[in-house]
Structures are given as structure tokens and as C-alpha cells.
Amino acid sequence: FINTLLRNIRHALKEFKNLALKNIKGLKDLHLLFTIKNKRQALDIKTQAFSAQAVFDDCNICTPKKTIKLYEIELEFADGNFAEFKKFCKQVSAETKISPCAISKVATAVANL
């Protein structure tokens, strides 16, 4: 869609807005709804049964009304035996008392607009 080298996120948003305003008939304006600022660390998990990744997010979700602090751990399946991966996730949840996330970062932002 945008076939140009973009310097940073502000430049990317500006270019997208300019392109959209020129090309989408009837579009009057675009404005920022929310920003998700995320510090992410990832670890590879390799067992005999599966490969996965543990991703640790430290987020600030900024809306016009407020900033929401969110900490999230994602266990992402890569390959292998999915049933064994699911067992591993249940074990991690039980031992750490960390529950599966009920709502995404984007859904959290939209709910707080």
C-alpha cells in the first residue's frame, strides 16, 4: 500500500494520513484513537515435544482519557505437538497463578476510549 521507506512511526502515520485523505473519496480527516507503547522481551522454548516462544510485554496503552499499564506474558506455539504445548500452558498457569488474558491490548484500548 505505501511503497516508501518510512523513517519512524510519526512519519509513517503522516504518510498514511496524507495518502488516505487523497485517495479515499469522502474522507474528511483521520485522528489518533490510541497508542500502545510496548517493551517486549522474548525467550525461545524448546522441548522434545514442541517449540514455542514466551513473550513478555510491558505496555502503556494511552487513550485520550487515561493511560493503562498492562503486563502480559504470551506463550506462542511454533511447531511440534500442540496438545503437549497446551498441557505446558496449563501447567505454567497453575504454578504461577497467571491466568490467560481475556482481552487483547487493542480491545483494552478501544474499551477505554
C-alpha atoms as a PDB file:
ATOM      1  CA  PHE A   1       0.000   0.000   0.000  1.00  0.00           C
ATOM      2  CA  ILE A   2       2.677   2.502   0.983  1.00  0.00           C
ATOM      3  CA  ASN A   3       5.720   1.826  -1.145  1.00  0.00           C
ATOM      4  CA  THR A   4       8.210   4.142   0.524  1.00  0.00           C
ATOM      5  CA  LEU A   5      10.914   3.932   3.149  1.00  0.00           C
ATOM      6  CA  LEU A   6       9.451   5.262   6.381  1.00  0.00           C
ATOM      7  CA  ARG A   7      11.769   6.940   8.886  1.00  0.00           C
ATOM      8  CA  ASN A   8       9.722   6.390  12.040  1.00  0.00           C
ATOM      9  CA  ILE A   9       6.173   5.851  13.305  1.00  0.00           C
ATOM     10  CA  ARG A  10       5.264   9.565  13.192  1.00  0.00           C
ATOM     11  CA  HIS A  11       6.433   9.748   9.589  1.00  0.00           C
ATOM     12  CA  ALA A  12       4.532   6.538   8.772  1.00  0.00           C
ATOM     13  CA  LEU A  13       1.298   7.887  10.276  1.00  0.00           C
ATOM     14  CA  LYS A  14       1.679  11.226   8.479  1.00  0.00           C
ATOM     15  CA  GLU A  15       2.313   9.493   5.137  1.00  0.00           C
ATOM     16  CA  PHE A  16      -0.660   7.162   5.647  1.00  0.00           C
ATOM     17  CA  LYS A  17      -2.954  10.060   6.588  1.00  0.00           C
ATOM     18  CA  ASN A  18      -1.886  12.087   3.540  1.00  0.00           C
ATOM     19  CA  LEU A  19      -2.326   9.092   1.243  1.00  0.00           C
ATOM     20  CA  ALA A  20      -5.728   8.188   2.710  1.00  0.00           C
ATOM     21  CA  LEU A  21      -7.024  11.772   2.549  1.00  0.00           C
ATOM     22  CA  LYS A  22      -6.040  11.966  -1.139  1.00  0.00           C
ATOM     23  CA  ASN A  23      -7.334   8.564  -2.191  1.00  0.00           C
ATOM     24  CA  ILE A  24     -10.414   7.707  -0.143  1.00  0.00           C
ATOM     25  CA  LYS A  25     -13.401   9.563  -1.554  1.00  0.00           C
ATOM     26  CA  GLY A  26     -15.376  11.435   1.095  1.00  0.00           C
ATOM     27  CA  LEU A  27     -12.747  11.040   3.830  1.00  0.00           C
ATOM     28  CA  LYS A  28     -12.523  14.313   5.763  1.00  0.00           C
ATOM     29  CA  ASP A  29      -9.986  13.592   8.490  1.00  0.00           C
ATOM     30  CA  LEU A  30      -8.134  10.923  10.426  1.00  0.00           C
ATOM     31  CA  HIS A  31      -7.254  11.307  14.078  1.00  0.00           C
ATOM     32  CA  LEU A  32      -5.344   9.206  16.577  1.00  0.00           C
ATOM     33  CA  LEU A  33      -7.528   6.992  18.789  1.00  0.00           C
ATOM     34  CA  PHE A  34      -4.895   5.371  20.988  1.00  0.00           C
ATOM     35  CA  THR A  35      -1.224   4.465  21.226  1.00  0.00           C
ATOM     36  CA  ILE A  36       0.273   1.232  22.528  1.00  0.00           C
ATOM     37  CA  LYS A  37       3.838   1.657  23.788  1.00  0.00           C
ATOM     38  CA  ASN A  38       5.344  -1.749  24.375  1.00  0.00           C
ATOM     39  CA  LYS A  39       8.659  -3.013  25.713  1.00  0.00           C
ATOM     40  CA  ARG A  40       8.897  -6.658  24.641  1.00  0.00           C
ATOM     41  CA  GLN A  41      11.296  -9.434  25.564  1.00  0.00           C
ATOM     42  CA  ALA A  42      11.107 -12.915  24.067  1.00  0.00           C
ATOM     43  CA  LEU A  43      12.529 -16.283  25.058  1.00  0.00           C
ATOM     44  CA  ASP A  44      12.660 -19.428  22.927  1.00  0.00           C
ATOM     45  CA  ILE A  45      11.227 -22.597  24.487  1.00  0.00           C
ATOM     46  CA  LYS A  46      12.345 -25.914  23.026  1.00  0.00           C
ATOM     47  CA  THR A  47      11.248 -29.279  24.395  1.00  0.00           C
ATOM     48  CA  GLN A  48      11.261 -32.736  22.865  1.00  0.00           C
ATOM     49  CA  ALA A  49       7.558 -32.306  22.100  1.00  0.00           C
ATOM     50  CA  PHE A  50       7.266 -28.721  20.822  1.00  0.00           C
ATOM     51  CA  SER A  51       8.899 -25.362  20.157  1.00  0.00           C
ATOM     52  CA  ALA A  52       7.366 -22.122  21.372  1.00  0.00           C
ATOM     53  CA  GLN A  53       8.170 -18.614  22.445  1.00  0.00           C
ATOM     54  CA  ALA A  54       7.477 -16.852  25.731  1.00  0.00           C
ATOM     55  CA  VAL A  55       6.917 -13.146  25.111  1.00  0.00           C
ATOM     56  CA  PHE A  56       6.892 -10.665  27.981  1.00  0.00           C
ATOM     57  CA  ASP A  57       5.183  -7.314  27.320  1.00  0.00           C
ATOM     58  CA  ASP A  58       5.398  -4.192  29.475  1.00  0.00           C
ATOM     59  CA  CYS A  59       2.800  -1.857  27.921  1.00  0.00           C
ATOM     60  CA  ASN A  60       1.331   1.566  28.291  1.00  0.00           C
ATOM     61  CA  ILE A  61      -1.955   1.921  26.438  1.00  0.00           C
ATOM     62  CA  CYS A  62      -2.599   5.637  26.006  1.00  0.00           C
ATOM     63  CA  THR A  63      -6.087   6.919  25.169  1.00  0.00           C
ATOM     64  CA  PRO A  64      -7.384  10.486  25.339  1.00  0.00           C
ATOM     65  CA  LYS A  65      -8.968   9.665  28.732  1.00  0.00           C
ATOM     66  CA  LYS A  66      -6.176   7.791  30.501  1.00  0.00           C
ATOM     67  CA  THR A  67      -3.089   5.604  30.379  1.00  0.00           C
ATOM     68  CA  ILE A  68      -3.486   1.932  31.235  1.00  0.00           C
ATOM     69  CA  LYS A  69      -0.477  -0.070  32.462  1.00  0.00           C
ATOM     70  CA  LEU A  70      -0.514  -3.666  31.252  1.00  0.00           C
ATOM     71  CA  TYR A  71       1.846  -6.562  31.843  1.00  0.00           C
ATOM     72  CA  GLU A  72       1.339  -9.588  29.650  1.00  0.00           C
ATOM     73  CA  ILE A  73       3.008 -12.930  29.062  1.00  0.00           C
ATOM     74  CA  GLU A  74       2.204 -14.648  25.789  1.00  0.00           C
ATOM     75  CA  LEU A  75       3.087 -18.257  25.133  1.00  0.00           C
ATOM     76  CA  GLU A  76       3.166 -18.646  21.360  1.00  0.00           C
ATOM     77  CA  PHE A  77       3.240 -22.085  19.734  1.00  0.00           C
ATOM     78  CA  ALA A  78       5.802 -22.525  16.922  1.00  0.00           C
ATOM     79  CA  ASP A  79       5.737 -26.204  15.944  1.00  0.00           C
ATOM     80  CA  GLY A  80       5.520 -29.744  17.208  1.00  0.00           C
ATOM     81  CA  ASN A  81       2.836 -31.385  19.323  1.00  0.00           C
ATOM     82  CA  PHE A  82       0.124 -28.794  20.036  1.00  0.00           C
ATOM     83  CA  ALA A  83      -1.576 -30.951  22.694  1.00  0.00           C
ATOM     84  CA  GLU A  84       1.698 -31.053  24.683  1.00  0.00           C
ATOM     85  CA  PHE A  85       2.032 -27.277  24.301  1.00  0.00           C
ATOM     86  CA  LYS A  86      -1.496 -26.798  25.713  1.00  0.00           C
ATOM     87  CA  LYS A  87      -0.599 -29.029  28.692  1.00  0.00           C
ATOM     88  CA  PHE A  88       2.530 -26.938  29.256  1.00  0.00           C
ATOM     89  CA  CYS A  89       0.455 -23.709  29.201  1.00  0.00           C
ATOM     90  CA  LYS A  90      -1.977 -25.105  31.780  1.00  0.00           C
ATOM     91  CA  GLN A  91       0.937 -26.162  33.991  1.00  0.00           C
ATOM     92  CA  VAL A  92       2.579 -22.724  33.749  1.00  0.00           C
ATOM     93  CA  SER A  93      -0.741 -21.045  34.561  1.00  0.00           C
ATOM     94  CA  ALA A  94      -1.354 -23.284  37.572  1.00  0.00           C
ATOM     95  CA  GLU A  95       2.161 -22.949  39.004  1.00  0.00           C
ATOM     96  CA  THR A  96       2.479 -19.195  38.511  1.00  0.00           C
ATOM     97  CA  LYS A  97      -1.159 -18.318  39.230  1.00  0.00           C
ATOM     98  CA  ILE A  98      -1.191 -16.311  35.980  1.00  0.00           C
ATOM     99  CA  SER A  99      -4.495 -16.552  34.137  1.00  0.00           C
ATOM    100  CA  PRO A 100      -4.993 -16.475  30.374  1.00  0.00           C
ATOM    101  CA  CYS A 101      -5.674 -12.997  29.058  1.00  0.00           C
ATOM    102  CA  ALA A 102      -9.360 -12.331  28.457  1.00  0.00           C
ATOM    103  CA  ILE A 103      -8.931  -9.199  26.325  1.00  0.00           C
ATOM    104  CA  SER A 104      -6.325  -8.012  23.788  1.00  0.00           C
ATOM    105  CA  LYS A 105      -4.294  -4.810  24.006  1.00  0.00           C
ATOM    106  CA  VAL A 106      -6.338  -3.258  21.183  1.00  0.00           C
ATOM    107  CA  ALA A 107      -9.643  -4.280  22.772  1.00  0.00           C
ATOM    108  CA  THR A 108      -8.438  -2.766  26.078  1.00  0.00           C
ATOM    109  CA  ALA A 109      -7.623   0.498  24.295  1.00  0.00           C
ATOM    110  CA  VAL A 110     -10.968   0.609  22.462  1.00  0.00           C
ATOM    111  CA  ALA A 111     -12.875  -0.126  25.696  1.00  0.00           C
ATOM    112  CA  ASN A 112     -11.233   2.928  27.279  1.00  0.00           C
ATOM    113  CA  LEU A 113     -11.893   5.479  24.519  1.00  0.00           C
END
